[in-house]
C-alpha atoms as a PDB file:
ATOM      1  CA  UNK A   1      -0.103   0.300  -0.113  1.00  0.00           C
ATOM      2  CA  UNK A   2       3.429   2.391   0.139  1.00  0.00           C
ATOM      3  CA  UNK A   3       5.809   3.614  -2.122  1.00  0.00           C
ATOM      4  CA  UNK A   4       8.606   4.045  -0.053  1.00  0.00           C
ATOM      5  CA  UNK A   5      11.455   3.397  -1.084  1.00  0.00           C
ATOM      6  CA  UNK A   6      14.126   1.728   0.802  1.00  0.00           C
ATOM      7  CA  UNK A   7      18.093   3.139   1.383  1.00  0.00           C
ATOM      8  CA  UNK A   8      20.341   0.985   3.368  1.00  0.00           C
ATOM      9  CA  UNK A   9      22.724   2.054   6.463  1.00  0.00           C
ATOM     10  CA  UNK A  10      25.096  -0.321   8.062  1.00  0.00           C
ATOM     11  CA  UNK A  11      22.365  -3.385   6.783  1.00  0.00           C
ATOM     12  CA  UNK A  12      19.787  -1.354   8.710  1.00  0.00           C
ATOM     13  CA  UNK A  13      16.850   0.163   6.403  1.00  0.00           C
ATOM     14  CA  UNK A  14      15.973   3.671   7.033  1.00  0.00           C
ATOM     15  CA  UNK A  15      12.980   4.652   5.696  1.00  0.00           C
ATOM     16  CA  UNK A  16      13.312   8.308   3.253  1.00  0.00           C
ATOM     17  CA  UNK A  17       9.783   9.154   4.408  1.00  0.00           C
ATOM     18  CA  UNK A  18       8.667   8.761   8.343  1.00  0.00           C
ATOM     19  CA  UNK A  19       6.145   6.683   8.935  1.00  0.00           C
ATOM     20  CA  UNK A  20       4.567   9.373  10.047  1.00  0.00           C
ATOM     21  CA  UNK A  21       3.580  10.804   7.250  1.00  0.00           C
ATOM     22  CA  UNK A  22       3.598   7.322   5.721  1.00  0.00           C
ATOM     23  CA  UNK A  23      -0.052   6.695   7.622  1.00  0.00           C
ATOM     24  CA  UNK A  24      -1.163  10.178   7.603  1.00  0.00           C
ATOM     25  CA  UNK A  25      -1.441   9.509   3.905  1.00  0.00           C
ATOM     26  CA  UNK A  26      -4.437   7.534   4.091  1.00  0.00           C
ATOM     27  CA  UNK A  27      -7.646   9.195   5.126  1.00  0.00           C
ATOM     28  CA  UNK A  28      -8.852   5.849   7.035  1.00  0.00           C
ATOM     29  CA  UNK A  29      -6.283   4.054   9.094  1.00  0.00           C
ATOM     30  CA  UNK A  30      -8.348   1.418  10.952  1.00  0.00           C
ATOM     31  CA  UNK A  31      -5.684  -0.300  13.268  1.00  0.00           C
ATOM     32  CA  UNK A  32      -5.301  -3.724  11.984  1.00  0.00           C
ATOM     33  CA  UNK A  33      -4.767  -2.026   8.640  1.00  0.00           C
ATOM     34  CA  UNK A  34      -2.016  -0.377  10.165  1.00  0.00           C
ATOM     35  CA  UNK A  35      -0.396  -3.623  11.810  1.00  0.00           C
ATOM     36  CA  UNK A  36      -1.203  -5.193   8.509  1.00  0.00           C
ATOM     37  CA  UNK A  37       0.875  -2.949   6.892  1.00  0.00           C
ATOM     38  CA  UNK A  38       3.695  -2.347   9.308  1.00  0.00           C
ATOM     39  CA  UNK A  39       3.786  -6.060   9.956  1.00  0.00           C
ATOM     40  CA  UNK A  40       4.496  -6.346   5.282  1.00  0.00           C
ATOM     41  CA  UNK A  41       6.804  -3.728   6.280  1.00  0.00           C
ATOM     42  CA  UNK A  42       8.900  -5.406   8.664  1.00  0.00           C
ATOM     43  CA  UNK A  43       8.589  -8.979   6.711  1.00  0.00           C
ATOM     44  CA  UNK A  44      10.896  -7.624   3.591  1.00  0.00           C
ATOM     45  CA  UNK A  45      13.627  -7.780   6.613  1.00  0.00           C
ATOM     46  CA  UNK A  46      12.921 -10.809   8.439  1.00  0.00           C
ATOM     47  CA  UNK A  47      14.419 -13.543   6.922  1.00  0.00           C
ATOM     48  CA  UNK A  48      17.629 -11.524   7.248  1.00  0.00           C
ATOM     49  CA  UNK A  49      17.407 -11.402  10.970  1.00  0.00           C
ATOM     50  CA  UNK A  50      20.175 -12.681  12.620  1.00  0.00           C
ATOM     51  CA  UNK A  51      17.460 -15.265  15.002  1.00  0.00           C
ATOM     52  CA  UNK A  52      17.444 -12.970  18.287  1.00  0.00           C
ATOM     53  CA  UNK A  53      15.134 -12.644  20.877  1.00  0.00           C
ATOM     54  CA  UNK A  54      13.411  -9.707  22.240  1.00  0.00           C
ATOM     55  CA  UNK A  55      15.420 -10.383  25.603  1.00  0.00           C
ATOM     56  CA  UNK A  56      18.844 -10.585  23.307  1.00  0.00           C
ATOM     57  CA  UNK A  57      17.387  -7.082  21.331  1.00  0.00           C
ATOM     58  CA  UNK A  58      16.584  -5.096  24.872  1.00  0.00           C
ATOM     59  CA  UNK A  59      20.049  -5.814  26.432  1.00  0.00           C
ATOM     60  CA  UNK A  60      21.477  -3.903  23.444  1.00  0.00           C
ATOM     61  CA  UNK A  61      19.856  -0.787  23.881  1.00  0.00           C
ATOM     62  CA  UNK A  62      20.205  -0.992  27.439  1.00  0.00           C
ATOM     63  CA  UNK A  63      24.678  -1.572  26.708  1.00  0.00           C
ATOM     64  CA  UNK A  64      24.461   0.253  23.141  1.00  0.00           C
ATOM     65  CA  UNK A  65      24.935   3.385  21.720  1.00  0.00           C
ATOM     66  CA  UNK A  66      24.492   5.934  19.044  1.00  0.00           C
ATOM     67  CA  UNK A  67      22.974   4.503  15.992  1.00  0.00           C
ATOM     68  CA  UNK A  68      23.353   0.726  17.738  1.00  0.00           C
ATOM     69  CA  UNK A  69      20.534   1.921  20.154  1.00  0.00           C
ATOM     70  CA  UNK A  70      17.929   3.008  17.224  1.00  0.00           C
ATOM     71  CA  UNK A  71      18.581  -0.244  15.237  1.00  0.00           C
ATOM     72  CA  UNK A  72      18.262  -2.540  18.116  1.00  0.00           C
ATOM     73  CA  UNK A  73      14.485  -1.075  18.788  1.00  0.00           C
ATOM     74  CA  UNK A  74      14.072  -1.349  15.243  1.00  0.00           C
ATOM     75  CA  UNK A  75      14.697  -4.835  15.394  1.00  0.00           C
ATOM     76  CA  UNK A  76      12.992  -5.862  18.430  1.00  0.00           C
ATOM     77  CA  UNK A  77      10.104  -3.787  16.372  1.00  0.00           C
ATOM     78  CA  UNK A  78      10.097  -5.803  13.748  1.00  0.00           C
ATOM     79  CA  UNK A  79      10.162  -9.185  15.181  1.00  0.00           C
ATOM     80  CA  UNK A  80       6.763  -8.433  16.952  1.00  0.00           C
ATOM     81  CA  UNK A  81       4.761  -8.912  14.014  1.00  0.00           C
ATOM     82  CA  UNK A  82       4.247 -12.276  15.182  1.00  0.00           C
ATOM     83  CA  UNK A  83       1.993 -13.241  17.978  1.00  0.00           C
ATOM     84  CA  UNK A  84       4.606 -16.463  18.577  1.00  0.00           C
ATOM     85  CA  UNK A  85       7.278 -13.512  19.323  1.00  0.00           C
ATOM     86  CA  UNK A  86       4.478 -11.121  20.909  1.00  0.00           C
ATOM     87  CA  UNK A  87       4.066 -13.749  23.084  1.00  0.00           C
ATOM     88  CA  UNK A  88       7.429 -14.563  24.296  1.00  0.00           C
ATOM     89  CA  UNK A  89       8.033 -10.886  24.497  1.00  0.00           C
ATOM     90  CA  UNK A  90       4.829  -9.847  27.052  1.00  0.00           C
ATOM     91  CA  UNK A  91       6.859 -10.376  30.297  1.00  0.00           C
ATOM     92  CA  UNK A  92       9.271  -7.607  29.313  1.00  0.00           C
ATOM     93  CA  UNK A  93       6.753  -5.067  28.640  1.00  0.00           C
ATOM     94  CA  UNK A  94       7.535  -3.532  32.130  1.00  0.00           C
ATOM     95  CA  UNK A  95      11.516  -3.305  31.192  1.00  0.00           C
ATOM     96  CA  UNK A  96      10.220  -1.423  27.410  1.00  0.00           C
ATOM     97  CA  UNK A  97       7.515   0.767  28.704  1.00  0.00           C
ATOM     98  CA  UNK A  98      10.726   1.893  31.019  1.00  0.00           C
ATOM     99  CA  UNK A  99      12.964   2.912  28.606  1.00  0.00           C
ATOM    100  CA  UNK A 100      11.041   4.058  26.204  1.00  0.00           C
ATOM    101  CA  UNK A 101       9.953   6.721  29.574  1.00  0.00           C
ATOM    102  CA  UNK A 102      14.091   7.275  29.740  1.00  0.00           C
ATOM    103  CA  UNK A 103      14.934   7.391  25.896  1.00  0.00           C
ATOM    104  CA  UNK A 104      13.299  10.969  26.226  1.00  0.00           C
ATOM    105  CA  UNK A 105      16.772  12.611  25.447  1.00  0.00           C
ATOM    106  CA  UNK A 106      18.439   9.888  22.933  1.00  0.00           C
ATOM    107  CA  UNK A 107      17.991   9.889  19.294  1.00  0.00           C
ATOM    108  CA  UNK A 108      13.823   9.407  18.502  1.00  0.00           C
ATOM    109  CA  UNK A 109      13.871   6.100  16.511  1.00  0.00           C
ATOM    110  CA  UNK A 110      14.466   4.982  19.823  1.00  0.00           C
ATOM    111  CA  UNK A 111      10.824   5.944  20.707  1.00  0.00           C
ATOM    112  CA  UNK A 112       9.077   5.667  18.519  1.00  0.00           C
ATOM    113  CA  UNK A 113      10.182   1.957  17.753  1.00  0.00           C
ATOM    114  CA  UNK A 114       9.607   1.244  20.981  1.00  0.00           C
ATOM    115  CA  UNK A 115       6.425   2.497  20.978  1.00  0.00           C
ATOM    116  CA  UNK A 116       5.446   0.519  18.323  1.00  0.00           C
ATOM    117  CA  UNK A 117       6.425  -2.583  19.787  1.00  0.00           C
ATOM    118  CA  UNK A 118       4.446  -1.569  23.405  1.00  0.00           C
ATOM    119  CA  UNK A 119       1.672  -1.506  20.883  1.00  0.00           C
ATOM    120  CA  UNK A 120       2.074  -4.991  19.387  1.00  0.00           C
ATOM    121  CA  UNK A 121       2.660  -6.476  23.011  1.00  0.00           C
ATOM    122  CA  UNK A 122      -0.899  -5.967  23.829  1.00  0.00           C
ATOM    123  CA  UNK A 123       0.035  -4.964  27.511  1.00  0.00           C
ATOM    124  CA  UNK A 124      -1.730  -2.430  28.972  1.00  0.00           C
ATOM    125  CA  UNK A 125       1.214  -2.156  31.515  1.00  0.00           C
ATOM    126  CA  UNK A 126       2.393   0.368  28.136  1.00  0.00           C
ATOM    127  CA  UNK A 127      -0.149   2.880  28.929  1.00  0.00           C
ATOM    128  CA  UNK A 128       1.093   5.194  31.689  1.00  0.00           C
ATOM    129  CA  UNK A 129       3.847   5.902  29.961  1.00  0.00           C
ATOM    130  CA  UNK A 130       2.670   6.190  25.975  1.00  0.00           C
ATOM    131  CA  UNK A 131      -0.002   8.875  27.561  1.00  0.00           C
ATOM    132  CA  UNK A 132       2.937  10.637  29.109  1.00  0.00           C
ATOM    133  CA  UNK A 133       4.784  10.666  25.625  1.00  0.00           C
ATOM    134  CA  UNK A 134       1.593  13.119  24.085  1.00  0.00           C
ATOM    135  CA  UNK A 135       3.155  15.900  25.492  1.00  0.00           C
ATOM    136  CA  UNK A 136       6.401  17.494  24.897  1.00  0.00           C
ATOM    137  CA  UNK A 137       7.317  14.584  22.707  1.00  0.00           C
ATOM    138  CA  UNK A 138       8.644  15.143  18.876  1.00  0.00           C
ATOM    139  CA  UNK A 139       4.921  14.802  16.913  1.00  0.00           C
ATOM    140  CA  UNK A 140       5.924  11.599  15.125  1.00  0.00           C
ATOM    141  CA  UNK A 141       7.137   9.956  18.000  1.00  0.00           C
ATOM    142  CA  UNK A 142       3.155  11.024  19.691  1.00  0.00           C
ATOM    143  CA  UNK A 143       1.494  10.109  16.419  1.00  0.00           C
ATOM    144  CA  UNK A 144       3.387   6.495  16.811  1.00  0.00           C
ATOM    145  CA  UNK A 145       2.115   6.693  20.929  1.00  0.00           C
ATOM    146  CA  UNK A 146      -1.260   7.681  19.826  1.00  0.00           C
ATOM    147  CA  UNK A 147      -1.393   4.624  17.331  1.00  0.00           C
ATOM    148  CA  UNK A 148       0.068   2.259  20.178  1.00  0.00           C
ATOM    149  CA  UNK A 149      -3.006   3.560  22.503  1.00  0.00           C
ATOM    150  CA  UNK A 150      -5.239   2.890  19.963  1.00  0.00           C
ATOM    151  CA  UNK A 151      -3.827  -0.924  19.532  1.00  0.00           C
ATOM    152  CA  UNK A 152      -4.157  -1.186  23.450  1.00  0.00           C
ATOM    153  CA  UNK A 153      -7.458  -0.440  23.997  1.00  0.00           C
ATOM    154  CA  UNK A 154      -6.472   2.303  25.953  1.00  0.00           C
ATOM    155  CA  UNK A 155      -9.603   4.067  27.319  1.00  0.00           C
ATOM    156  CA  UNK A 156      -8.508   5.407  30.303  1.00  0.00           C
ATOM    157  CA  UNK A 157      -5.885   7.600  27.626  1.00  0.00           C
ATOM    158  CA  UNK A 158      -9.385   8.877  26.360  1.00  0.00           C
ATOM    159  CA  UNK A 159      -9.162  12.327  27.856  1.00  0.00           C
ATOM    160  CA  UNK A 160      -5.909  13.311  27.069  1.00  0.00           C
ATOM    161  CA  UNK A 161      -7.083  11.917  23.246  1.00  0.00           C
ATOM    162  CA  UNK A 162      -9.526  14.534  23.208  1.00  0.00           C
ATOM    163  CA  UNK A 163      -7.459  17.080  24.177  1.00  0.00           C
ATOM    164  CA  UNK A 164      -4.701  16.875  21.051  1.00  0.00           C
ATOM    165  CA  UNK A 165      -8.094  16.920  18.430  1.00  0.00           C
ATOM    166  CA  UNK A 166      -7.248  20.378  19.150  1.00  0.00           C
ATOM    167  CA  UNK A 167      -3.389  20.069  18.485  1.00  0.00           C
ATOM    168  CA  UNK A 168      -1.725  22.048  15.407  1.00  0.00           C
ATOM    169  CA  UNK A 169      -0.366  18.720  13.811  1.00  0.00           C
ATOM    170  CA  UNK A 170      -3.049  17.345  11.091  1.00  0.00           C
ATOM    171  CA  UNK A 171      -2.009  14.065  11.251  1.00  0.00           C
ATOM    172  CA  UNK A 172      -2.205  14.420  15.005  1.00  0.00           C
ATOM    173  CA  UNK A 173      -5.171  15.462  14.762  1.00  0.00           C
ATOM    174  CA  UNK A 174      -6.359  12.810  12.111  1.00  0.00           C
ATOM    175  CA  UNK A 175      -4.453   9.985  14.064  1.00  0.00           C
ATOM    176  CA  UNK A 176      -6.468  10.682  17.567  1.00  0.00           C
ATOM    177  CA  UNK A 177     -10.324  11.603  15.803  1.00  0.00           C
ATOM    178  CA  UNK A 178      -9.540   8.021  14.221  1.00  0.00           C
ATOM    179  CA  UNK A 179      -8.423   6.662  17.661  1.00  0.00           C
ATOM    180  CA  UNK A 180     -11.442   7.824  19.781  1.00  0.00           C
ATOM    181  CA  UNK A 181     -13.999   6.692  17.354  1.00  0.00           C
ATOM    182  CA  UNK A 182     -12.100   2.676  18.051  1.00  0.00           C
ATOM    183  CA  UNK A 183     -12.069   3.133  21.392  1.00  0.00           C
ATOM    184  CA  UNK A 184     -15.983   3.837  21.550  1.00  0.00           C
ATOM    185  CA  UNK A 185     -16.151   5.892  24.556  1.00  0.00           C
ATOM    186  CA  UNK A 186     -19.699   8.325  25.548  1.00  0.00           C
ATOM    187  CA  UNK A 187     -16.983  11.296  26.386  1.00  0.00           C
ATOM    188  CA  UNK A 188     -15.693  11.397  22.922  1.00  0.00           C
ATOM    189  CA  UNK A 189     -19.093  12.841  21.294  1.00  0.00           C
ATOM    190  CA  UNK A 190     -18.821  16.056  22.040  1.00  0.00           C
ATOM    191  CA  UNK A 191     -15.053  16.493  20.817  1.00  0.00           C
ATOM    192  CA  UNK A 192     -15.978  14.518  18.151  1.00  0.00           C
ATOM    193  CA  UNK A 193     -18.930  17.308  17.406  1.00  0.00           C
ATOM    194  CA  UNK A 194     -16.486  20.158  16.941  1.00  0.00           C
ATOM    195  CA  UNK A 195     -13.868  18.528  14.354  1.00  0.00           C
ATOM    196  CA  UNK A 196     -16.865  18.007  12.183  1.00  0.00           C
ATOM    197  CA  UNK A 197     -15.676  21.471  11.732  1.00  0.00           C
ATOM    198  CA  UNK A 198     -12.439  21.097  11.489  1.00  0.00           C
ATOM    199  CA  UNK A 199     -10.086  22.492   8.976  1.00  0.00           C
ATOM    200  CA  UNK A 200      -8.736  19.325   7.322  1.00  0.00           C
ATOM    201  CA  UNK A 201     -10.666  17.381   5.054  1.00  0.00           C
ATOM    202  CA  UNK A 202      -9.674  14.078   6.063  1.00  0.00           C
ATOM    203  CA  UNK A 203      -9.727  15.084   9.699  1.00  0.00           C
ATOM    204  CA  UNK A 204     -13.898  16.076   9.455  1.00  0.00           C
ATOM    205  CA  UNK A 205     -14.512  12.489   7.310  1.00  0.00           C
ATOM    206  CA  UNK A 206     -12.637  10.669  10.051  1.00  0.00           C
ATOM    207  CA  UNK A 207     -14.722  12.705  12.924  1.00  0.00           C
ATOM    208  CA  UNK A 208     -18.195  11.915  11.287  1.00  0.00           C
ATOM    209  CA  UNK A 209     -17.201   7.988  10.578  1.00  0.00           C
ATOM    210  CA  UNK A 210     -16.164   7.867  14.052  1.00  0.00           C
ATOM    211  CA  UNK A 211     -19.054   9.815  15.766  1.00  0.00           C
ATOM    212  CA  UNK A 212     -21.293   7.601  13.195  1.00  0.00           C
ATOM    213  CA  UNK A 213     -19.209   4.445  15.132  1.00  0.00           C
ATOM    214  CA  UNK A 214     -20.387   5.659  18.546  1.00  0.00           C
ATOM    215  CA  UNK A 215     -24.217   5.966  16.833  1.00  0.00           C
ATOM    216  CA  UNK A 216     -24.708   9.794  16.639  1.00  0.00           C
ATOM    217  CA  UNK A 217     -26.064  11.253  13.105  1.00  0.00           C
ATOM    218  CA  UNK A 218     -24.283  14.848  13.945  1.00  0.00           C
ATOM    219  CA  UNK A 219     -21.392  14.166  10.900  1.00  0.00           C
ATOM    220  CA  UNK A 220     -24.460  12.895   8.669  1.00  0.00           C
ATOM    221  CA  UNK A 221     -23.848  15.739   6.425  1.00  0.00           C
ATOM    222  CA  UNK A 222     -20.162  14.888   6.046  1.00  0.00           C
ATOM    223  CA  UNK A 223     -20.928  11.497   5.165  1.00  0.00           C
ATOM    224  CA  UNK A 224     -22.842  12.074   2.563  1.00  0.00           C
ATOM    225  CA  UNK A 225     -21.247  14.570   0.817  1.00  0.00           C
ATOM    226  CA  UNK A 226     -18.405  11.970   1.021  1.00  0.00           C
ATOM    227  CA  UNK A 227     -20.388   9.643  -1.373  1.00  0.00           C
ATOM    228  CA  UNK A 228     -20.300  11.993  -3.973  1.00  0.00           C
ATOM    229  CA  UNK A 229     -17.485  11.356  -6.918  1.00  0.00           C
ATOM    230  CA  UNK A 230     -17.825  14.623  -7.568  1.00  0.00           C
ATOM    231  CA  UNK A 231     -16.774  16.412  -4.551  1.00  0.00           C
ATOM    232  CA  UNK A 232     -14.408  14.027  -3.816  1.00  0.00           C
ATOM    233  CA  UNK A 233     -12.223  14.664  -8.084  1.00  0.00           C
ATOM    234  CA  UNK A 234     -12.568  18.080  -6.874  1.00  0.00           C
ATOM    235  CA  UNK A 235     -10.061  17.432  -3.792  1.00  0.00           C
ATOM    236  CA  UNK A 236      -6.590  17.364  -5.635  1.00  0.00           C
ATOM    237  CA  UNK A 237      -4.360  15.478  -3.392  1.00  0.00           C
ATOM    238  CA  UNK A 238      -7.044  11.848  -3.711  1.00  0.00           C
ATOM    239  CA  UNK A 239      -5.936   9.468  -5.356  1.00  0.00           C
ATOM    240  CA  UNK A 240      -8.246   7.134  -7.203  1.00  0.00           C
ATOM    241  CA  UNK A 241      -8.132   4.361  -4.573  1.00  0.00           C
ATOM    242  CA  UNK A 242      -8.173   6.606  -1.703  1.00  0.00           C
ATOM    243  CA  UNK A 243     -11.657   8.687  -3.423  1.00  0.00           C
ATOM    244  CA  UNK A 244     -13.031   4.879  -3.192  1.00  0.00           C
ATOM    245  CA  UNK A 245     -11.899   4.633   0.541  1.00  0.00           C
ATOM    246  CA  UNK A 246     -13.243   7.931   1.761  1.00  0.00           C
ATOM    247  CA  UNK A 247     -16.318   6.394  -0.247  1.00  0.00           C
ATOM    248  CA  UNK A 248     -16.728   2.622   0.625  1.00  0.00           C
ATOM    249  CA  UNK A 249     -15.903   3.762   4.721  1.00  0.00           C
ATOM    250  CA  UNK A 250     -19.133   6.749   4.363  1.00  0.00           C
ATOM    251  CA  UNK A 251     -21.121   4.073   3.214  1.00  0.00           C
ATOM    252  CA  UNK A 252     -20.185   1.900   5.680  1.00  0.00           C
ATOM    253  CA  UNK A 253     -20.827   4.926   8.413  1.00  0.00           C
ATOM    254  CA  UNK A 254     -24.413   5.017   7.156  1.00  0.00           C
ATOM    255  CA  UNK A 255     -25.415   1.745   7.091  1.00  0.00           C
ATOM    256  CA  UNK A 256     -24.078   1.457  11.316  1.00  0.00           C
ATOM    257  CA  UNK A 257     -26.728   4.906  11.733  1.00  0.00           C
ATOM    258  CA  UNK A 258     -28.875   2.893   9.470  1.00  0.00           C
ATOM    259  CA  UNK A 259     -29.547   6.300   7.495  1.00  0.00           C
ATOM    260  CA  UNK A 260     -32.336   5.090   5.309  1.00  0.00           C
ATOM    261  CA  UNK A 261     -32.105   8.443   3.417  1.00  0.00           C
ATOM    262  CA  UNK A 262     -29.618   8.024   1.034  1.00  0.00           C
ATOM    263  CA  UNK A 263     -31.302   4.772  -0.724  1.00  0.00           C
ATOM    264  CA  UNK A 264     -31.432   7.025  -4.243  1.00  0.00           C
ATOM    265  CA  UNK A 265     -27.867   7.947  -3.974  1.00  0.00           C
ATOM    266  CA  UNK A 266     -26.906   4.475  -2.892  1.00  0.00           C
ATOM    267  CA  UNK A 267     -28.892   2.939  -5.997  1.00  0.00           C
ATOM    268  CA  UNK A 268     -26.763   5.133  -7.981  1.00  0.00           C
ATOM    269  CA  UNK A 269     -23.416   3.852  -6.583  1.00  0.00           C
ATOM    270  CA  UNK A 270     -24.026   0.829  -7.612  1.00  0.00           C
ATOM    271  CA  UNK A 271     -24.675   0.242 -11.221  1.00  0.00           C
ATOM    272  CA  UNK A 272     -22.800   3.227 -12.083  1.00  0.00           C
ATOM    273  CA  UNK A 273     -19.616   3.505  -9.733  1.00  0.00           C
ATOM    274  CA  UNK A 274     -16.996   3.332 -11.751  1.00  0.00           C
ATOM    275  CA  UNK A 275     -15.001   1.571  -8.687  1.00  0.00           C
ATOM    276  CA  UNK A 276     -16.319  -2.106  -7.924  1.00  0.00           C
ATOM    277  CA  UNK A 277     -15.583  -1.128  -4.184  1.00  0.00           C
ATOM    278  CA  UNK A 278     -18.024   1.034  -4.184  1.00  0.00           C
ATOM    279  CA  UNK A 279     -20.788  -0.658  -6.333  1.00  0.00           C
ATOM    280  CA  UNK A 280     -20.134  -3.595  -3.328  1.00  0.00           C
ATOM    281  CA  UNK A 281     -20.504  -1.898  -0.195  1.00  0.00           C
ATOM    282  CA  UNK A 282     -23.605   0.086  -1.774  1.00  0.00           C
ATOM    283  CA  UNK A 283     -24.959  -3.516  -2.416  1.00  0.00           C
ATOM    284  CA  UNK A 284     -24.377  -4.507   0.974  1.00  0.00           C
ATOM    285  CA  UNK A 285     -25.913  -1.515   2.541  1.00  0.00           C
ATOM    286  CA  UNK A 286     -28.950  -1.268   0.478  1.00  0.00           C
ATOM    287  CA  UNK A 287     -29.725  -4.897   1.353  1.00  0.00           C
ATOM    288  CA  UNK A 288     -29.812  -4.150   4.835  1.00  0.00           C
ATOM    289  CA  UNK A 289     -31.543  -0.483   5.103  1.00  0.00           C
ATOM    290  CA  UNK A 290     -34.484  -2.024   3.311  1.00  0.00           C
END
C-alpha cells in the first residue's frame, strides 16, 4: 500500500519518509490495516534476521550507544509482527515501557520503534508511559504513541486524546479522531462533533465516521458528501484508490446509522460507480437498509 523507497545504512533499512507521514497519507486508518502494513514492512527484512530474541535486543538497547540503540529498537519492533514473538516478549513489557520513558533525550527513533513494539505487545502496563509521551515529545513520536494507545484499546487515555483534537498538527488530530472512534467511548462525542468543523478534510471525514461508530448522526452531511464522487474529484491530493476508500467508509458509516434517506444515492452508486468496491459496499448497504 505504500510506495516507500528504501536505503540501507549499516545493513539496517532506513525510511526516506517517516512512518508518521506514511500513515497520515491514508484518510482512514483502521488499526488492523496499519498493523498489517507495518507487518508487511517488517516482513521484507524478517528473513535476514539474526535469530535474536526480544530479550537480546532489549539488552542491546540497554548497553548500546549511538546508532546501535535505535537499530536495536528497530529490530525489536520488527520481530513483534508474529504472535509467537509477542507471546514470548510480553513479560518484558514493563522493562520496555521504562526504557521508552528513559529514552526521552535519546535518538527519537528509539522511542518511535519502542512505541510500535508496546502497541503490538498488547500489555496495558505500557499505557501510562505512552500517555505521558503525548505531551512534549516530537510529533512523530506522539503519532506512534497514539497508534499504540489505540492498539492497546486504552480507554483511560480518552481525555488526553480528546485534548489532541485541538493540536496544530493535522496528522495528530486525524489519528486521535480515528482512535477515539475505535475506543467507542461516549465521552468523546462532543469533541468529535467539534472536529466536524476542522479545517482539514480528512479530519472532518474521520470525525464523521467515528461519530457513526458511536451511533451519532451529527456527521450525516459529511458522510453524504463523502459519497459524492464529483465532490471528491475536486480534492486534488486524493488518488483514485483513496477516493474509493473515502466512499466505502462513508457508505459503511451510513449503514451503521441505519440511514435510509441515502438509498437513492446508493442505488446510483451500485450501478454506475467505476470502482467495484464502492459498488459492492452500496449493494450490501441497500440490503440492510431495506
